[in-house]
Amino acid sequence: MSKQKSKRQSTKGSRAARKKDKTHPHAYFDAAIPFAFFGESDTAFTFLKKALGRGFRECSWLRGWAFSKLRKDKRWPAILERCEANLRAYLKSVNAELFHMHERYRNEGYKQNLDPSVRERRNARRRKQVGKMLDSGALKAADDFERAASILCHGPDSSDHQLARELALKALKLDPKNVGAKVVAAVAKDRYLLSIGKPQMYGTQFDYVRGNEILREPYDLKAITDQEREKWCGSFICKMIKSAYENSEARKRESKKPGARRSRKARR
């Protein structure tokens, strides 16, 4: 793909990002990325300032490769300072201990080389700490309950999944616009259903076969409508679910063809 064509597509993606939700800071942050990458500094800084004016506080995201050119600009320190100020103000409104715990939990999720046993020991300690916070009444804000739900959601027991779902719904009751809580509620429901041997209904749980995402079985996507699924999971995740579903169904059809079992053995 030529640089010019790539730039056109990125600019189109930037416009789409702004249309997502003009009140949300992430929409303007997403819009800034292609302009920052292609060196259109003035436009990138304009969108970053709009994101910061709406409370953008994910300062670690500003260290991404897309902003390497902007970091040489004399205007960059002011962007970082404003982001850090937003974060300090935000931390006064939530449980700061849980915020930092969740940040570590989320960052470790991207580390593919982390020993699974080490990961699980750390997550078990986090789930225990979340339980203590709930018992002591230390969680108050919608974002607190969303983060607690996110940590509990990936626990090993159905009781973890049930509690995660309840906490995510509590977050939504406090803040109906909390998109993350909707996703966690859907994920928790699917994980709970699978843990008791029933089909997942949203389709948020995937497996990987030869590099392709497929739905973890059993699944029944007809249990809810596509509109209901998009309401909880959002359009981006729904596209992933649709693709995984199509891969799963194609794999099932392939397995029913005469000689399929023999050919699979041959591939091994």
Protein backbone atom coordinates (compact mmCIF):
# COMPACT_ATOMS: atom_id res chain seq x y z
CA MET A 1 0.00 0.00 0.00
CA SER A 2 1.38 3.42 -0.96
CA LYS A 3 2.01 6.01 1.71
CA GLN A 4 -0.55 8.33 0.08
CA LYS A 5 -3.26 5.66 0.07
CA SER A 6 -2.44 4.69 3.64
CA LYS A 7 -2.70 8.34 4.65
CA ARG A 8 -6.12 8.69 2.99
CA GLN A 9 -7.40 5.61 4.79
CA SER A 10 -6.02 6.82 8.12
CA THR A 11 -7.65 10.22 7.67
CA LYS A 12 -10.94 8.49 6.87
CA GLY A 13 -10.50 6.44 10.05
CA SER A 14 -9.86 9.66 11.95
CA ARG A 15 -13.17 11.11 10.78
CA ALA A 16 -14.93 7.89 11.77
CA ALA A 17 -13.35 8.08 15.23
CA ARG A 18 -14.73 11.57 15.77
CA LYS A 19 -18.21 10.42 14.80
CA LYS A 20 -18.23 7.65 17.44
CA ASP A 21 -19.05 9.93 20.34
CA LYS A 22 -18.12 13.59 20.17
CA THR A 23 -18.41 13.92 23.93
CA HIS A 24 -15.90 11.16 24.69
CA PRO A 25 -12.19 12.10 24.93
CA HIS A 26 -11.10 8.83 23.31
CA ALA A 27 -12.84 9.84 20.07
CA TYR A 28 -10.57 12.87 19.72
CA PHE A 29 -7.51 10.91 20.85
CA ASP A 30 -8.22 8.27 18.19
CA ALA A 31 -8.70 11.04 15.63
CA ALA A 32 -5.28 12.48 16.48
CA ILE A 33 -3.35 9.25 15.87
CA PRO A 34 -3.15 9.20 12.03
CA PHE A 35 -2.29 12.90 11.86
CA ALA A 36 0.44 12.41 14.45
CA PHE A 37 1.84 9.41 12.59
CA PHE A 38 2.00 11.20 9.24
CA GLY A 39 3.56 14.31 10.74
CA GLU A 40 0.58 16.69 10.49
CA SER A 41 1.46 18.14 13.86
CA ASP A 42 -0.92 21.11 13.98
CA THR A 43 -4.01 18.96 13.35
CA ALA A 44 -2.80 16.25 15.75
CA PHE A 45 -2.23 18.78 18.53
CA THR A 46 -5.69 20.27 17.91
CA PHE A 47 -7.35 16.90 18.46
CA LEU A 48 -5.17 16.09 21.46
CA LYS A 49 -6.12 19.39 23.09
CA LYS A 50 -9.81 18.61 22.50
CA ALA A 51 -9.32 15.17 24.05
CA LEU A 52 -7.59 16.69 27.07
CA GLY A 53 -10.29 19.33 27.40
CA ARG A 54 -12.79 16.49 27.74
CA GLY A 55 -10.76 14.80 30.45
CA PHE A 56 -8.39 12.47 28.59
CA ARG A 57 -6.07 10.96 31.21
CA GLU A 58 -4.46 7.80 29.70
CA CYS A 59 -0.96 9.30 29.80
CA SER A 60 0.72 5.97 29.02
CA TRP A 61 -1.01 5.94 25.63
CA LEU A 62 0.89 9.08 24.68
CA ARG A 63 4.11 7.05 24.82
CA GLY A 64 2.95 5.01 21.82
CA TRP A 65 4.92 4.81 18.57
CA ALA A 66 2.33 6.93 16.70
CA PHE A 67 3.38 10.03 18.66
CA SER A 68 7.14 9.73 18.19
CA LYS A 69 7.23 12.73 15.85
CA LEU A 70 5.13 14.90 18.15
CA ARG A 71 7.41 14.22 21.10
CA LYS A 72 10.09 16.34 19.41
CA ASP A 73 7.74 19.33 19.24
CA LYS A 74 8.05 22.11 21.84
CA ARG A 75 4.28 21.86 22.44
CA TRP A 76 4.57 18.27 23.67
CA PRO A 77 5.51 18.94 27.34
CA ALA A 78 2.30 20.96 27.79
CA ILE A 79 0.26 18.01 26.47
CA LEU A 80 1.89 15.65 28.96
CA GLU A 81 1.45 18.10 31.82
CA ARG A 82 -2.27 18.56 31.05
CA CYS A 83 -2.80 14.80 30.82
CA GLU A 84 -1.08 14.22 34.16
CA ALA A 85 -3.20 16.98 35.73
CA ASN A 86 -6.34 15.28 34.41
CA LEU A 87 -5.18 12.00 35.89
CA ARG A 88 -4.45 13.54 39.30
CA ALA A 89 -7.89 15.13 39.39
CA TYR A 90 -9.54 11.87 38.34
CA LEU A 91 -7.76 9.83 41.01
CA LYS A 92 -9.38 12.00 43.67
CA SER A 93 -12.80 10.77 42.51
CA VAL A 94 -12.09 7.03 42.52
CA ASN A 95 -10.27 4.39 44.57
CA ALA A 96 -6.65 5.11 43.60
CA GLU A 97 -5.35 1.79 44.95
CA LEU A 98 -7.76 -0.15 42.75
CA PHE A 99 -6.94 2.08 39.78
CA HIS A 100 -3.23 1.25 39.97
CA MET A 101 -3.95 -2.42 40.66
CA HIS A 102 -6.11 -2.60 37.55
CA GLU A 103 -3.45 -0.84 35.46
CA ARG A 104 -0.89 -3.48 36.45
CA TYR A 105 -3.44 -6.23 35.82
CA ARG A 106 -4.24 -4.87 32.37
CA ASN A 107 -0.59 -4.34 31.38
CA GLU A 108 0.32 -7.89 32.42
CA GLY A 109 -2.44 -9.16 30.15
CA TYR A 110 -0.39 -8.01 27.16
CA LYS A 111 2.78 -9.79 28.29
CA GLN A 112 2.77 -13.05 26.36
CA ASN A 113 6.06 -14.22 27.88
CA LEU A 114 4.80 -14.00 31.48
CA ASP A 115 4.69 -17.41 33.18
CA PRO A 116 0.99 -18.44 33.46
CA SER A 117 1.47 -19.67 37.02
CA VAL A 118 2.98 -16.31 38.03
CA ARG A 119 0.14 -14.48 36.31
CA GLU A 120 -2.49 -16.53 38.13
CA ARG A 121 -0.82 -16.10 41.55
CA ARG A 122 -0.82 -12.35 41.07
CA ASN A 123 -4.42 -12.30 39.85
CA ALA A 124 -5.51 -14.46 42.80
CA ARG A 125 -3.98 -11.88 45.16
CA ARG A 126 -5.78 -9.12 43.28
CA ARG A 127 -9.13 -10.89 43.52
CA LYS A 128 -8.59 -11.32 47.25
CA GLN A 129 -7.77 -7.64 47.63
CA VAL A 130 -10.87 -6.67 45.63
CA GLY A 131 -12.94 -8.79 48.00
CA LYS A 132 -11.50 -6.89 50.98
CA MET A 133 -12.30 -3.57 49.31
CA LEU A 134 -15.89 -4.65 48.72
CA ASP A 135 -16.28 -5.84 52.31
CA SER A 136 -14.92 -2.56 53.69
CA GLY A 137 -17.06 -0.40 51.42
CA ALA A 138 -13.99 1.19 49.85
CA LEU A 139 -15.53 1.23 46.36
CA LYS A 140 -17.92 4.07 45.59
CA ALA A 141 -17.63 5.27 41.99
CA ALA A 142 -18.95 3.54 38.87
CA ASP A 143 -15.39 3.11 37.56
CA ASP A 144 -14.42 1.40 40.84
CA PHE A 145 -17.07 -1.27 40.34
CA GLU A 146 -16.17 -1.68 36.67
CA ARG A 147 -12.50 -2.28 37.54
CA ALA A 148 -13.39 -4.70 40.32
CA ALA A 149 -15.66 -6.57 37.90
CA SER A 150 -12.89 -6.71 35.29
CA ILE A 151 -10.45 -8.30 37.75
CA LEU A 152 -12.99 -10.80 39.09
CA CYS A 153 -14.34 -11.64 35.65
CA HIS A 154 -11.33 -13.76 34.76
CA GLY A 155 -11.34 -15.74 37.98
CA PRO A 156 -11.52 -19.54 37.81
CA ASP A 157 -14.89 -20.03 39.51
CA SER A 158 -18.49 -19.39 38.45
CA SER A 159 -18.95 -17.42 41.67
CA ASP A 160 -16.27 -14.97 40.45
CA HIS A 161 -18.15 -14.54 37.19
CA GLN A 162 -21.48 -14.03 38.95
CA LEU A 163 -20.06 -11.36 41.23
CA ALA A 164 -18.30 -9.68 38.30
CA ARG A 165 -21.61 -9.46 36.44
CA GLU A 166 -23.32 -7.95 39.49
CA LEU A 167 -20.57 -5.36 39.95
CA ALA A 168 -20.61 -4.41 36.26
CA LEU A 169 -24.38 -3.90 36.42
CA LYS A 170 -23.92 -1.79 39.56
CA ALA A 171 -21.41 0.36 37.67
CA LEU A 172 -23.98 0.83 34.90
CA LYS A 173 -26.63 1.82 37.40
CA LEU A 174 -24.32 4.54 38.70
CA ASP A 175 -23.20 5.56 35.21
CA PRO A 176 -25.35 4.31 32.29
CA LYS A 177 -22.75 5.66 29.82
CA ASN A 178 -19.99 3.41 31.15
CA VAL A 179 -19.23 1.45 27.99
CA GLY A 180 -16.54 -0.67 29.62
CA ALA A 181 -18.99 -1.91 32.25
CA LYS A 182 -21.34 -3.12 29.52
CA VAL A 183 -18.59 -5.17 27.91
CA VAL A 184 -17.48 -6.63 31.25
CA ALA A 185 -21.09 -7.56 32.06
CA ALA A 186 -21.37 -9.45 28.75
CA VAL A 187 -18.01 -11.18 29.22
CA ALA A 188 -18.88 -12.18 32.79
CA LYS A 189 -22.20 -13.65 31.64
CA ASP A 190 -20.54 -15.73 28.92
CA ARG A 191 -17.82 -16.97 31.26
CA TYR A 192 -20.42 -17.89 33.87
CA LEU A 193 -22.52 -19.84 31.33
CA LEU A 194 -19.49 -21.75 30.06
CA SER A 195 -18.35 -22.51 33.61
CA ILE A 196 -21.65 -24.30 34.33
CA GLY A 197 -21.67 -26.15 31.00
CA LYS A 198 -24.15 -23.93 29.16
CA PRO A 199 -23.67 -22.15 25.80
CA GLN A 200 -22.30 -18.63 25.82
CA MET A 201 -24.83 -16.15 24.43
CA TYR A 202 -22.91 -12.98 23.59
CA GLY A 203 -19.99 -14.73 21.92
CA THR A 204 -17.20 -12.93 23.77
CA GLN A 205 -15.12 -16.05 24.50
CA PHE A 206 -12.72 -17.13 21.75
CA ASP A 207 -10.27 -19.90 21.07
CA TYR A 208 -7.56 -19.91 18.40
CA VAL A 209 -7.08 -22.62 15.78
CA ARG A 210 -4.19 -22.21 13.34
CA GLY A 211 -4.21 -18.45 13.91
CA ASN A 212 -7.95 -18.02 13.42
CA GLU A 213 -10.39 -16.92 16.12
CA ILE A 214 -13.28 -19.29 16.71
CA LEU A 215 -16.01 -19.20 19.33
CA ARG A 216 -15.42 -21.28 22.43
CA GLU A 217 -17.98 -24.05 22.52
CA PRO A 218 -20.74 -24.44 23.37
CA TYR A 219 -22.31 -21.27 22.00
CA ASP A 220 -25.81 -20.12 21.04
CA LEU A 221 -25.76 -16.69 19.46
CA LYS A 222 -29.49 -16.91 18.75
CA ALA A 223 -30.17 -16.60 22.48
CA ILE A 224 -30.17 -12.80 22.01
CA THR A 225 -30.62 -10.54 18.99
CA ASP A 226 -27.75 -8.89 17.15
CA GLN A 227 -29.11 -5.53 18.29
CA GLU A 228 -28.96 -6.62 21.93
CA ARG A 229 -25.44 -7.95 21.44
CA GLU A 230 -24.27 -4.66 19.93
CA LYS A 231 -25.91 -2.74 22.78
CA TRP A 232 -23.69 -4.56 25.29
CA CYS A 233 -20.54 -5.28 23.29
CA GLY A 234 -20.32 -2.40 20.82
CA SER A 235 -19.89 -2.55 17.06
CA PHE A 236 -16.14 -3.30 17.04
CA ILE A 237 -16.38 -6.36 19.31
CA CYS A 238 -19.49 -7.50 17.44
CA LYS A 239 -17.47 -7.57 14.22
CA MET A 240 -14.92 -9.80 15.95
CA ILE A 241 -17.71 -12.05 17.21
CA LYS A 242 -19.24 -12.31 13.74
CA SER A 243 -15.89 -13.23 12.21
CA ALA A 244 -15.23 -15.86 14.92
CA TYR A 245 -18.73 -17.26 14.42
CA GLU A 246 -18.21 -17.59 10.67
CA ASN A 247 -14.86 -19.33 11.27
CA SER A 248 -16.51 -21.69 13.76
CA GLU A 249 -19.38 -22.59 11.46
CA ALA A 250 -17.03 -23.12 8.51
CA ARG A 251 -14.89 -25.42 10.67
CA LYS A 252 -17.97 -27.42 11.64
CA ARG A 253 -19.03 -27.79 8.01
CA GLU A 254 -15.51 -28.86 7.06
CA SER A 255 -15.45 -31.50 9.79
CA LYS A 256 -18.67 -33.07 8.42
CA LYS A 257 -17.27 -33.62 4.93
CA PRO A 258 -16.38 -37.22 4.00
CA GLY A 259 -12.74 -37.94 4.70
CA ALA A 260 -12.32 -34.88 6.95
CA ARG A 261 -11.26 -36.98 9.94
CA ARG A 262 -8.71 -38.87 7.89
CA SER A 263 -7.28 -35.65 6.42
CA ARG A 264 -6.91 -34.13 9.91
CA LYS A 265 -4.94 -37.19 11.04
CA ALA A 266 -2.78 -36.90 7.95
CA ARG A 267 -2.00 -33.25 8.76
CA ARG A 268 -0.80 -34.30 12.21
